[in-house]
């Protein structure tokens, strides 16, 4: 079964005014979430901040017109296919480890009474 992957935009940092433009996004806070298929899906995620370049007045999108799809397009273009593929591989491994753990943390079977 294949995992599904989705970006979620958590927040954006904006300059209030830059070169005559208002609410200019310069940092995007994101989560990249992988979810397994099946009856009991398992998720793993990665978070980060991506800096984006200053817009030109011709390519500027007003803050009020921004959508998650637009902003995801900005950050995925900046990240590139290789970086996204690497994140997918890491998230796939995290999900596999959750489903079929190779390491666990256990308590000792008997606790020793402290010496007083």
PDB file of N, CA and C in Angstrom:
ATOM      1  N   UNK A   1       0.835  -1.188   0.000  1.00  0.00           N
ATOM      2  CA  UNK A   1       0.000   0.000   0.000  1.00  0.00           C
ATOM      3  C   UNK A   1       0.878   1.248   0.000  1.00  0.00           C
ATOM      4  N   UNK A   2       0.428   2.234  -0.678  1.00  0.00           N
ATOM      5  CA  UNK A   2       1.173   3.488  -0.764  1.00  0.00           C
ATOM      6  C   UNK A   2       0.683   4.479   0.283  1.00  0.00           C
ATOM      7  N   UNK A   3       1.584   5.263   0.770  1.00  0.00           N
ATOM      8  CA  UNK A   3       1.232   6.328   1.700  1.00  0.00           C
ATOM      9  C   UNK A   3       0.808   7.553   0.902  1.00  0.00           C
ATOM     10  N   UNK A   4      -0.049   8.370   1.500  1.00  0.00           N
ATOM     11  CA  UNK A   4      -0.421   9.641   0.873  1.00  0.00           C
ATOM     12  C   UNK A   4       0.341  10.765   1.560  1.00  0.00           C
ATOM     13  N   UNK A   5       0.643  11.805   0.807  1.00  0.00           N
ATOM     14  CA  UNK A   5       1.452  12.921   1.306  1.00  0.00           C
ATOM     15  C   UNK A   5       0.727  14.230   1.042  1.00  0.00           C
ATOM     16  N   UNK A   6       0.737  15.107   2.046  1.00  0.00           N
ATOM     17  CA  UNK A   6       0.091  16.413   1.899  1.00  0.00           C
ATOM     18  C   UNK A   6       0.866  17.479   2.660  1.00  0.00           C
ATOM     19  N   UNK A   7       0.995  18.640   2.046  1.00  0.00           N
ATOM     20  CA  UNK A   7       1.526  19.799   2.749  1.00  0.00           C
ATOM     21  C   UNK A   7       0.385  20.515   3.447  1.00  0.00           C
ATOM     22  N   UNK A   8       0.673  21.044   4.612  1.00  0.00           N
ATOM     23  CA  UNK A   8      -0.261  21.901   5.343  1.00  0.00           C
ATOM     24  C   UNK A   8       0.501  23.183   5.665  1.00  0.00           C
ATOM     25  N   UNK A   9      -0.086  24.308   5.358  1.00  0.00           N
ATOM     26  CA  UNK A   9       0.543  25.589   5.677  1.00  0.00           C
ATOM     27  C   UNK A   9       0.051  26.006   7.060  1.00  0.00           C
ATOM     28  N   UNK A  10       0.982  26.108   8.001  1.00  0.00           N
ATOM     29  CA  UNK A  10       0.644  26.432   9.393  1.00  0.00           C
ATOM     30  C   UNK A  10       0.555  27.932   9.636  1.00  0.00           C
ATOM     31  N   UNK A  11       1.421  28.695   8.982  1.00  0.00           N
ATOM     32  CA  UNK A  11       1.447  30.155   9.158  1.00  0.00           C
ATOM     33  C   UNK A  11       2.406  30.739   8.130  1.00  0.00           C
ATOM     34  N   UNK A  12       2.312  32.039   7.943  1.00  0.00           N
ATOM     35  CA  UNK A  12       3.265  32.753   7.095  1.00  0.00           C
ATOM     36  C   UNK A  12       3.737  34.001   7.832  1.00  0.00           C
ATOM     37  N   UNK A  13       5.010  34.328   7.641  1.00  0.00           N
ATOM     38  CA  UNK A  13       5.559  35.584   8.148  1.00  0.00           C
ATOM     39  C   UNK A  13       5.493  36.588   7.013  1.00  0.00           C
ATOM     40  N   UNK A  14       5.037  37.795   7.325  1.00  0.00           N
ATOM     41  CA  UNK A  14       4.866  38.820   6.293  1.00  0.00           C
ATOM     42  C   UNK A  14       5.527  40.127   6.703  1.00  0.00           C
ATOM     43  N   UNK A  15       6.055  40.825   5.707  1.00  0.00           N
ATOM     44  CA  UNK A  15       6.435  42.229   5.892  1.00  0.00           C
ATOM     45  C   UNK A  15       5.136  43.019   5.768  1.00  0.00           C
ATOM     46  N   UNK A  16       4.911  43.933   6.687  1.00  0.00           N
ATOM     47  CA  UNK A  16       3.666  44.701   6.610  1.00  0.00           C
ATOM     48  C   UNK A  16       3.625  45.565   5.360  1.00  0.00           C
ATOM     49  N   UNK A  17       4.801  46.074   4.949  1.00  0.00           N
ATOM     50  CA  UNK A  17       4.888  46.904   3.755  1.00  0.00           C
ATOM     51  C   UNK A  17       6.277  46.732   3.167  1.00  0.00           C
ATOM     52  N   UNK A  18       6.347  46.387   1.901  1.00  0.00           N
ATOM     53  CA  UNK A  18       7.639  46.214   1.225  1.00  0.00           C
ATOM     54  C   UNK A  18       7.508  46.690  -0.205  1.00  0.00           C
ATOM     55  N   UNK A  19       8.301  47.667  -0.570  1.00  0.00           N
ATOM     56  CA  UNK A  19       8.307  48.204  -1.942  1.00  0.00           C
ATOM     57  C   UNK A  19       6.908  48.586  -2.415  1.00  0.00           C
ATOM     58  N   UNK A  20       6.119  49.172  -1.523  1.00  0.00           N
ATOM     59  CA  UNK A  20       4.781  49.616  -1.876  1.00  0.00           C
ATOM     60  C   UNK A  20       3.732  48.508  -1.864  1.00  0.00           C
ATOM     61  N   UNK A  21       4.126  47.299  -1.505  1.00  0.00           N
ATOM     62  CA  UNK A  21       3.186  46.173  -1.426  1.00  0.00           C
ATOM     63  C   UNK A  21       2.896  45.878   0.037  1.00  0.00           C
ATOM     64  N   UNK A  22       1.675  45.456   0.345  1.00  0.00           N
ATOM     65  CA  UNK A  22       1.284  45.177   1.727  1.00  0.00           C
ATOM     66  C   UNK A  22       1.196  43.681   1.985  1.00  0.00           C
ATOM     67  N   UNK A  23       1.520  43.300   3.223  1.00  0.00           N
ATOM     68  CA  UNK A  23       1.445  41.904   3.682  1.00  0.00           C
ATOM     69  C   UNK A  23       2.187  40.982   2.714  1.00  0.00           C
ATOM     70  N   UNK A  24       3.486  41.205   2.611  1.00  0.00           N
ATOM     71  CA  UNK A  24       4.331  40.453   1.680  1.00  0.00           C
ATOM     72  C   UNK A  24       4.921  39.241   2.416  1.00  0.00           C
ATOM     73  N   UNK A  25       4.545  38.057   1.980  1.00  0.00           N
ATOM     74  CA  UNK A  25       5.009  36.814   2.602  1.00  0.00           C
ATOM     75  C   UNK A  25       6.499  36.635   2.322  1.00  0.00           C
ATOM     76  N   UNK A  26       7.285  36.294   3.384  1.00  0.00           N
ATOM     77  CA  UNK A  26       8.696  35.995   3.183  1.00  0.00           C
ATOM     78  C   UNK A  26       9.107  34.656   3.796  1.00  0.00           C
ATOM     79  N   UNK A  27       8.356  34.120   4.754  1.00  0.00           N
ATOM     80  CA  UNK A  27       8.607  32.799   5.333  1.00  0.00           C
ATOM     81  C   UNK A  27       7.301  32.020   5.381  1.00  0.00           C
ATOM     82  N   UNK A  28       7.386  30.746   5.071  1.00  0.00           N
ATOM     83  CA  UNK A  28       6.221  29.871   5.137  1.00  0.00           C
ATOM     84  C   UNK A  28       6.517  28.760   6.138  1.00  0.00           C
ATOM     85  N   UNK A  29       5.676  28.637   7.156  1.00  0.00           N
ATOM     86  CA  UNK A  29       5.782  27.570   8.155  1.00  0.00           C
ATOM     87  C   UNK A  29       4.883  26.432   7.676  1.00  0.00           C
ATOM     88  N   UNK A  30       5.460  25.238   7.477  1.00  0.00           N
ATOM     89  CA  UNK A  30       4.724  24.147   6.862  1.00  0.00           C
ATOM     90  C   UNK A  30       4.876  22.858   7.640  1.00  0.00           C
ATOM     91  N   UNK A  31       3.940  21.940   7.392  1.00  0.00           N
ATOM     92  CA  UNK A  31       4.036  20.546   7.827  1.00  0.00           C
ATOM     93  C   UNK A  31       3.868  19.698   6.579  1.00  0.00           C
ATOM     94  N   UNK A  32       4.627  18.612   6.500  1.00  0.00           N
ATOM     95  CA  UNK A  32       4.471  17.637   5.422  1.00  0.00           C
ATOM     96  C   UNK A  32       4.042  16.343   6.088  1.00  0.00           C
ATOM     97  N   UNK A  33       2.857  15.875   5.767  1.00  0.00           N
ATOM     98  CA  UNK A  33       2.230  14.781   6.495  1.00  0.00           C
ATOM     99  C   UNK A  33       2.048  13.581   5.574  1.00  0.00           C
ATOM    100  N   UNK A  34       2.490  12.435   6.055  1.00  0.00           N
ATOM    101  CA  UNK A  34       2.296  11.171   5.346  1.00  0.00           C
ATOM    102  C   UNK A  34       1.314  10.338   6.151  1.00  0.00           C
ATOM    103  N   UNK A  35       0.400   9.674   5.457  1.00  0.00           N
ATOM    104  CA  UNK A  35      -0.590   8.826   6.113  1.00  0.00           C
ATOM    105  C   UNK A  35      -0.679   7.510   5.359  1.00  0.00           C
ATOM    106  N   UNK A  36      -0.639   6.414   6.121  1.00  0.00           N
ATOM    107  CA  UNK A  36      -0.757   5.101   5.497  1.00  0.00           C
ATOM    108  C   UNK A  36      -2.215   4.813   5.158  1.00  0.00           C
ATOM    109  N   UNK A  37      -2.411   3.870   4.269  1.00  0.00           N
ATOM    110  CA  UNK A  37      -3.760   3.432   3.921  1.00  0.00           C
ATOM    111  C   UNK A  37      -4.189   2.351   4.896  1.00  0.00           C
ATOM    112  N   UNK A  38      -5.431   1.950   4.805  1.00  0.00           N
ATOM    113  CA  UNK A  38      -5.882   0.826   5.600  1.00  0.00           C
ATOM    114  C   UNK A  38      -6.879   1.205   6.663  1.00  0.00           C
ATOM    115  N   UNK A  39      -7.279   0.183   7.409  1.00  0.00           N
ATOM    116  CA  UNK A  39      -8.304   0.338   8.431  1.00  0.00           C
ATOM    117  C   UNK A  39      -7.850   1.224   9.586  1.00  0.00           C
ATOM    118  N   UNK A  40      -6.585   1.103   9.960  1.00  0.00           N
ATOM    119  CA  UNK A  40      -6.021   1.901  11.050  1.00  0.00           C
ATOM    120  C   UNK A  40      -4.838   2.705  10.521  1.00  0.00           C
ATOM    121  N   UNK A  41      -5.104   3.836   9.857  1.00  0.00           N
ATOM    122  CA  UNK A  41      -4.000   4.593   9.252  1.00  0.00           C
ATOM    123  C   UNK A  41      -3.019   5.124  10.303  1.00  0.00           C
ATOM    124  N   UNK A  42      -1.770   5.169   9.900  1.00  0.00           N
ATOM    125  CA  UNK A  42      -0.678   5.681  10.729  1.00  0.00           C
ATOM    126  C   UNK A  42      -0.112   6.906  10.021  1.00  0.00           C
ATOM    127  N   UNK A  43       0.227   7.930  10.799  1.00  0.00           N
ATOM    128  CA  UNK A  43       0.762   9.160  10.212  1.00  0.00           C
ATOM    129  C   UNK A  43       2.145   9.475  10.755  1.00  0.00           C
ATOM    130  N   UNK A  44       2.883  10.208   9.964  1.00  0.00           N
ATOM    131  CA  UNK A  44       4.173  10.766  10.359  1.00  0.00           C
ATOM    132  C   UNK A  44       4.262  12.132   9.704  1.00  0.00           C
ATOM    133  N   UNK A  45       4.995  13.035  10.323  1.00  0.00           N
ATOM    134  CA  UNK A  45       5.077  14.377   9.736  1.00  0.00           C
ATOM    135  C   UNK A  45       6.445  14.992   9.951  1.00  0.00           C
ATOM    136  N   UNK A  46       6.702  15.970   9.131  1.00  0.00           N
ATOM    137  CA  UNK A  46       7.907  16.775   9.203  1.00  0.00           C
ATOM    138  C   UNK A  46       7.461  18.226   9.170  1.00  0.00           C
ATOM    139  N   UNK A  47       8.151  19.079   9.903  1.00  0.00           N
ATOM    140  CA  UNK A  47       7.811  20.499   9.900  1.00  0.00           C
ATOM    141  C   UNK A  47       9.023  21.315   9.491  1.00  0.00           C
ATOM    142  N   UNK A  48       8.765  22.505   8.995  1.00  0.00           N
ATOM    143  CA  UNK A  48       9.863  23.367   8.616  1.00  0.00           C
ATOM    144  C   UNK A  48       9.389  24.761   8.261  1.00  0.00           C
ATOM    145  N   UNK A  49      10.358  25.588   7.939  1.00  0.00           N
ATOM    146  CA  UNK A  49      10.100  26.958   7.495  1.00  0.00           C
ATOM    147  C   UNK A  49      10.876  27.148   6.202  1.00  0.00           C
ATOM    148  N   UNK A  50      10.182  27.634   5.191  1.00  0.00           N
ATOM    149  CA  UNK A  50      10.823  27.886   3.905  1.00  0.00           C
ATOM    150  C   UNK A  50      10.788  29.382   3.625  1.00  0.00           C
ATOM    151  N   UNK A  51      11.961  29.950   3.368  1.00  0.00           N
ATOM    152  CA  UNK A  51      12.030  31.360   2.988  1.00  0.00           C
ATOM    153  C   UNK A  51      11.767  31.466   1.494  1.00  0.00           C
ATOM    154  N   UNK A  52      10.995  32.454   1.128  1.00  0.00           N
ATOM    155  CA  UNK A  52      10.711  32.652  -0.292  1.00  0.00           C
ATOM    156  C   UNK A  52      11.201  34.034  -0.694  1.00  0.00           C
ATOM    157  N   UNK A  53      11.502  34.188  -1.938  1.00  0.00           N
ATOM    158  CA  UNK A  53      12.034  35.449  -2.429  1.00  0.00           C
ATOM    159  C   UNK A  53      10.982  36.540  -2.487  1.00  0.00           C
ATOM    160  N   UNK A  54      11.459  37.748  -2.576  1.00  0.00           N
ATOM    161  CA  UNK A  54      10.561  38.901  -2.680  1.00  0.00           C
ATOM    162  C   UNK A  54       9.859  38.885  -4.035  1.00  0.00           C
ATOM    163  N   UNK A  55       8.577  39.191  -4.048  1.00  0.00           N
ATOM    164  CA  UNK A  55       7.841  39.192  -5.315  1.00  0.00           C
ATOM    165  C   UNK A  55       8.096  40.471  -6.099  1.00  0.00           C
ATOM    166  N   UNK A  56       7.838  40.412  -7.376  1.00  0.00           N
ATOM    167  CA  UNK A  56       7.810  41.638  -8.169  1.00  0.00           C
ATOM    168  C   UNK A  56       6.368  42.138  -8.138  1.00  0.00           C
ATOM    169  N   UNK A  57       6.166  43.386  -8.450  1.00  0.00           N
ATOM    170  CA  UNK A  57       4.798  43.917  -8.424  1.00  0.00           C
ATOM    171  C   UNK A  57       3.923  43.202  -9.455  1.00  0.00           C
ATOM    172  N   UNK A  58       4.529  42.659 -10.525  1.00  0.00           N
ATOM    173  CA  UNK A  58       3.764  41.941 -11.544  1.00  0.00           C
ATOM    174  C   UNK A  58       3.332  40.551 -11.074  1.00  0.00           C
ATOM    175  N   UNK A  59       4.146  39.907 -10.220  1.00  0.00           N
ATOM    176  CA  UNK A  59       3.832  38.540  -9.785  1.00  0.00           C
ATOM    177  C   UNK A  59       3.216  38.495  -8.390  1.00  0.00           C
ATOM    178  N   UNK A  60       2.964  39.644  -7.807  1.00  0.00           N
ATOM    179  CA  UNK A  60       2.463  39.702  -6.428  1.00  0.00           C
ATOM    180  C   UNK A  60       1.009  39.244  -6.354  1.00  0.00           C
ATOM    181  N   UNK A  61       0.741  38.385  -5.364  1.00  0.00           N
ATOM    182  CA  UNK A  61      -0.627  37.966  -5.059  1.00  0.00           C
ATOM    183  C   UNK A  61      -0.997  38.594  -3.725  1.00  0.00           C
ATOM    184  N   UNK A  62      -2.065  39.357  -3.703  1.00  0.00           N
ATOM    185  CA  UNK A  62      -2.510  40.002  -2.469  1.00  0.00           C
ATOM    186  C   UNK A  62      -2.774  38.945  -1.401  1.00  0.00           C
ATOM    187  N   UNK A  63      -2.434  39.254  -0.169  1.00  0.00           N
ATOM    188  CA  UNK A  63      -2.603  38.312   0.936  1.00  0.00           C
ATOM    189  C   UNK A  63      -4.028  37.765   0.990  1.00  0.00           C
ATOM    190  N   UNK A  64      -4.990  38.614   0.789  1.00  0.00           N
ATOM    191  CA  UNK A  64      -6.401  38.210   0.854  1.00  0.00           C
ATOM    192  C   UNK A  64      -6.764  37.195  -0.221  1.00  0.00           C
ATOM    193  N   UNK A  65      -5.969  37.115  -1.285  1.00  0.00           N
ATOM    194  CA  UNK A  65      -6.237  36.176  -2.382  1.00  0.00           C
ATOM    195  C   UNK A  65      -5.426  34.883  -2.278  1.00  0.00           C
ATOM    196  N   UNK A  66      -4.568  34.787  -1.261  1.00  0.00           N
ATOM    197  CA  UNK A  66      -3.739  33.587  -1.129  1.00  0.00           C
ATOM    198  C   UNK A  66      -4.570  32.384  -0.712  1.00  0.00           C
ATOM    199  N   UNK A  67      -4.202  31.241  -1.263  1.00  0.00           N
ATOM    200  CA  UNK A  67      -4.791  29.966  -0.858  1.00  0.00           C
ATOM    201  C   UNK A  67      -3.648  29.035  -0.472  1.00  0.00           C
ATOM    202  N   UNK A  68      -4.001  27.964   0.217  1.00  0.00           N
ATOM    203  CA  UNK A  68      -2.979  26.979   0.574  1.00  0.00           C
ATOM    204  C   UNK A  68      -2.337  26.416  -0.696  1.00  0.00           C
ATOM    205  N   UNK A  69      -3.113  26.203  -1.722  1.00  0.00           N
ATOM    206  CA  UNK A  69      -2.594  25.659  -2.982  1.00  0.00           C
ATOM    207  C   UNK A  69      -1.518  26.567  -3.579  1.00  0.00           C
ATOM    208  N   UNK A  70      -1.760  27.867  -3.567  1.00  0.00           N
ATOM    209  CA  UNK A  70      -0.783  28.823  -4.103  1.00  0.00           C
ATOM    210  C   UNK A  70       0.510  28.762  -3.309  1.00  0.00           C
ATOM    211  N   UNK A  71       0.392  28.807  -1.979  1.00  0.00           N
ATOM    212  CA  UNK A  71       1.585  28.844  -1.117  1.00  0.00           C
ATOM    213  C   UNK A  71       2.343  27.522  -1.187  1.00  0.00           C
ATOM    214  N   UNK A  72       1.636  26.396  -1.250  1.00  0.00           N
ATOM    215  CA  UNK A  72       2.295  25.098  -1.416  1.00  0.00           C
ATOM    216  C   UNK A  72       3.073  25.088  -2.738  1.00  0.00           C
ATOM    217  N   UNK A  73       2.510  25.676  -3.770  1.00  0.00           N
ATOM    218  CA  UNK A  73       3.218  25.781  -5.045  1.00  0.00           C
ATOM    219  C   UNK A  73       4.525  26.546  -4.908  1.00  0.00           C
ATOM    220  N   UNK A  74       4.510  27.618  -4.136  1.00  0.00           N
ATOM    221  CA  UNK A  74       5.735  28.396  -3.916  1.00  0.00           C
ATOM    222  C   UNK A  74       6.811  27.550  -3.242  1.00  0.00           C
ATOM    223  N   UNK A  75       6.426  26.883  -2.155  1.00  0.00           N
ATOM    224  CA  UNK A  75       7.456  26.178  -1.378  1.00  0.00           C
ATOM    225  C   UNK A  75       7.936  24.915  -2.092  1.00  0.00           C
ATOM    226  N   UNK A  76       7.052  24.211  -2.799  1.00  0.00           N
ATOM    227  CA  UNK A  76       7.505  23.012  -3.510  1.00  0.00           C
ATOM    228  C   UNK A  76       8.430  23.382  -4.669  1.00  0.00           C
ATOM    229  N   UNK A  77       8.163  24.501  -5.316  1.00  0.00           N
ATOM    230  CA  UNK A  77       9.059  24.966  -6.383  1.00  0.00           C
ATOM    231  C   UNK A  77      10.429  25.309  -5.795  1.00  0.00           C
ATOM    232  N   UNK A  78      10.429  25.915  -4.626  1.00  0.00           N
ATOM    233  CA  UNK A  78      11.688  26.295  -3.973  1.00  0.00           C
ATOM    234  C   UNK A  78      12.442  25.061  -3.485  1.00  0.00           C
ATOM    235  N   UNK A  79      11.727  24.079  -2.931  1.00  0.00           N
ATOM    236  CA  UNK A  79      12.365  22.876  -2.392  1.00  0.00           C
ATOM    237  C   UNK A  79      12.946  21.992  -3.486  1.00  0.00           C
ATOM    238  N   UNK A  80      12.210  21.817  -4.553  1.00  0.00           N
ATOM    239  CA  UNK A  80      12.664  20.949  -5.635  1.00  0.00           C
ATOM    240  C   UNK A  80      12.290  19.492  -5.397  1.00  0.00           C
ATOM    241  N   UNK A  81      12.274  18.735  -6.487  1.00  0.00           N
ATOM    242  CA  UNK A  81      11.838  17.338  -6.458  1.00  0.00           C
ATOM    243  C   UNK A  81      12.721  16.455  -5.581  1.00  0.00           C
ATOM    244  N   UNK A  82      14.032  16.690  -5.612  1.00  0.00           N
ATOM    245  CA  UNK A  82      14.960  15.838  -4.862  1.00  0.00           C
ATOM    246  C   UNK A  82      14.725  15.966  -3.348  1.00  0.00           C
ATOM    247  N   UNK A  83      14.557  17.177  -2.875  1.00  0.00           N
ATOM    248  CA  UNK A  83      14.321  17.381  -1.435  1.00  0.00           C
ATOM    249  C   UNK A  83      12.979  16.780  -1.011  1.00  0.00           C
ATOM    250  N   UNK A  84      11.958  16.951  -1.820  1.00  0.00           N
ATOM    251  CA  UNK A  84      10.644  16.389  -1.494  1.00  0.00           C
ATOM    252  C   UNK A  84      10.711  14.861  -1.505  1.00  0.00           C
ATOM    253  N   UNK A  85      11.411  14.281  -2.459  1.00  0.00           N
ATOM    254  CA  UNK A  85      11.582  12.824  -2.505  1.00  0.00           C
ATOM    255  C   UNK A  85      12.296  12.322  -1.255  1.00  0.00           C
ATOM    256  N   UNK A  86      13.288  13.056  -0.797  1.00  0.00           N
ATOM    257  CA  UNK A  86      14.011  12.691   0.420  1.00  0.00           C
ATOM    258  C   UNK A  86      13.088  12.744   1.645  1.00  0.00           C
ATOM    259  N   UNK A  87      12.233  13.763   1.717  1.00  0.00           N
ATOM    260  CA  UNK A  87      11.287  13.856   2.836  1.00  0.00           C
ATOM    261  C   UNK A  87      10.294  12.697   2.786  1.00  0.00           C
ATOM    262  N   UNK A  88       9.824  12.342   1.587  1.00  0.00           N
ATOM    263  CA  UNK A  88       8.900  11.214   1.444  1.00  0.00           C
ATOM    264  C   UNK A  88       9.546   9.926   1.938  1.00  0.00           C
ATOM    265  N   UNK A  89      10.788   9.711   1.550  1.00  0.00           N
ATOM    266  CA  UNK A  89      11.508   8.507   1.973  1.00  0.00           C
ATOM    267  C   UNK A  89      11.615   8.453   3.496  1.00  0.00           C
ATOM    268  N   UNK A  90      11.955   9.562   4.110  1.00  0.00           N
ATOM    269  CA  UNK A  90      12.068   9.625   5.568  1.00  0.00           C
ATOM    270  C   UNK A  90      10.722   9.353   6.243  1.00  0.00           C
ATOM    271  N   UNK A  91       9.658   9.945   5.741  1.00  0.00           N
ATOM    272  CA  UNK A  91       8.328   9.733   6.328  1.00  0.00           C
ATOM    273  C   UNK A  91       7.857   8.298   6.120  1.00  0.00           C
ATOM    274  N   UNK A  92       8.158   7.716   4.960  1.00  0.00           N
ATOM    275  CA  UNK A  92       7.821   6.310   4.728  1.00  0.00           C
ATOM    276  C   UNK A  92       8.501   5.419   5.764  1.00  0.00           C
ATOM    277  N   UNK A  93       9.771   5.696   6.051  1.00  0.00           N
ATOM    278  CA  UNK A  93      10.516   4.915   7.047  1.00  0.00           C
ATOM    279  C   UNK A  93       9.914   5.100   8.443  1.00  0.00           C
ATOM    280  N   UNK A  94       9.509   6.320   8.775  1.00  0.00           N
ATOM    281  CA  UNK A  94       8.890   6.565  10.086  1.00  0.00           C
ATOM    282  C   UNK A  94       7.587   5.777  10.236  1.00  0.00           C
ATOM    283  N   UNK A  95       6.784   5.765   9.196  1.00  0.00           N
ATOM    284  CA  UNK A  95       5.525   5.014   9.237  1.00  0.00           C
ATOM    285  C   UNK A  95       5.806   3.519   9.354  1.00  0.00           C
ATOM    286  N   UNK A  96       6.752   3.021   8.572  1.00  0.00           N
ATOM    287  CA  UNK A  96       7.100   1.600   8.643  1.00  0.00           C
ATOM    288  C   UNK A  96       7.570   1.234  10.054  1.00  0.00           C
ATOM    289  N   UNK A  97       8.341   2.102  10.677  1.00  0.00           N
ATOM    290  CA  UNK A  97       8.831   1.846  12.045  1.00  0.00           C
ATOM    291  C   UNK A  97       7.678   1.845  13.038  1.00  0.00           C
ATOM    292  N   UNK A  98       6.684   2.682  12.828  1.00  0.00           N
ATOM    293  CA  UNK A  98       5.510   2.690  13.716  1.00  0.00           C
ATOM    294  C   UNK A  98       4.685   1.414  13.542  1.00  0.00           C
ATOM    295  N   UNK A  99       4.573   0.945  12.307  1.00  0.00           N
ATOM    296  CA  UNK A  99       3.772  -0.246  12.026  1.00  0.00           C
ATOM    297  C   UNK A  99       4.509  -1.513  12.462  1.00  0.00           C
ATOM    298  N   UNK A 100       5.803  -1.571  12.161  1.00  0.00           N
ATOM    299  CA  UNK A 100       6.636  -2.740  12.485  1.00  0.00           C
ATOM    300  C   UNK A 100       7.877  -2.272  13.236  1.00  0.00           C
ATOM    301  N   UNK A 101       7.728  -1.968  14.533  1.00  0.00           N
ATOM    302  CA  UNK A 101       8.854  -1.391  15.276  1.00  0.00           C
ATOM    303  C   UNK A 101      10.049  -2.339  15.380  1.00  0.00           C
ATOM    304  N   UNK A 102      11.230  -1.753  15.241  1.00  0.00           N
ATOM    305  CA  UNK A 102      12.474  -2.503  15.423  1.00  0.00           C
ATOM    306  C   UNK A 102      13.119  -2.170  16.760  1.00  0.00           C
ATOM    307  N   UNK A 103      12.587  -1.164  17.456  1.00  0.00           N
ATOM    308  CA  UNK A 103      13.089  -0.771  18.768  1.00  0.00           C
ATOM    309  C   UNK A 103      11.904  -0.396  19.643  1.00  0.00           C
ATOM    310  N   UNK A 104      11.995  -0.713  20.931  1.00  0.00           N
ATOM    311  CA  UNK A 104      10.966  -0.338  21.888  1.00  0.00           C
ATOM    312  C   UNK A 104      11.632   0.106  23.182  1.00  0.00           C
ATOM    313  N   UNK A 105      10.923   0.885  23.962  1.00  0.00           N
ATOM    314  CA  UNK A 105      11.380   1.279  25.292  1.00  0.00           C
ATOM    315  C   UNK A 105      10.493   0.569  26.294  1.00  0.00           C
ATOM    316  N   UNK A 106      11.117  -0.185  27.208  1.00  0.00           N
ATOM    317  CA  UNK A 106      10.378  -0.991  28.168  1.00  0.00           C
ATOM    318  C   UNK A 106      10.790  -0.655  29.594  1.00  0.00           C
ATOM    319  N   UNK A 107       9.872  -0.875  30.502  1.00  0.00           N
ATOM    320  CA  UNK A 107      10.169  -0.770  31.924  1.00  0.00           C
ATOM    321  C   UNK A 107      10.736  -2.116  32.379  1.00  0.00           C
ATOM    322  N   UNK A 108      11.598  -2.100  33.375  1.00  0.00           N
ATOM    323  CA  UNK A 108      12.102  -3.350  33.928  1.00  0.00           C
ATOM    324  C   UNK A 108      10.960  -4.115  34.574  1.00  0.00           C
ATOM    325  N   UNK A 109      11.010  -5.444  34.536  1.00  0.00           N
ATOM    326  CA  UNK A 109       9.895  -6.222  35.071  1.00  0.00           C
ATOM    327  C   UNK A 109       9.713  -6.055  36.578  1.00  0.00           C
ATOM    328  N   UNK A 110      10.806  -5.888  37.314  1.00  0.00           N
ATOM    329  CA  UNK A 110      10.685  -5.708  38.761  1.00  0.00           C
ATOM    330  C   UNK A 110      11.442  -4.463  39.171  1.00  0.00           C
ATOM    331  N   UNK A 111      10.781  -3.667  39.974  1.00  0.00           N
ATOM    332  CA  UNK A 111      11.402  -2.468  40.482  1.00  0.00           C
ATOM    333  C   UNK A 111      12.009  -2.777  41.845  1.00  0.00           C
ATOM    334  N   UNK A 112      13.214  -2.349  42.099  1.00  0.00           N
ATOM    335  CA  UNK A 112      13.897  -2.549  43.365  1.00  0.00           C
ATOM    336  C   UNK A 112      13.483  -1.449  44.318  1.00  0.00           C
ATOM    337  N   UNK A 113      13.195  -1.825  45.551  1.00  0.00           N
ATOM    338  CA  UNK A 113      12.836  -0.832  46.572  1.00  0.00           C
ATOM    339  C   UNK A 113      14.066   0.014  46.861  1.00  0.00           C
ATOM    340  N   UNK A 114      13.899   1.327  46.959  1.00  0.00           N
ATOM    341  CA  UNK A 114      15.059   2.192  47.249  1.00  0.00           C
ATOM    342  C   UNK A 114      15.583   1.933  48.661  1.00  0.00           C
ATOM    343  N   UNK A 115      16.880   2.063  48.801  1.00  0.00           N
ATOM    344  CA  UNK A 115      17.501   1.936  50.119  1.00  0.00           C
ATOM    345  C   UNK A 115      17.284   3.219  50.891  1.00  0.00           C
ATOM    346  N   UNK A 116      16.901   3.077  52.162  1.00  0.00           N
ATOM    347  CA  UNK A 116      16.639   4.270  52.974  1.00  0.00           C
ATOM    348  C   UNK A 116      17.688   4.394  54.036  1.00  0.00           C
TER     349      UNK A 116
END
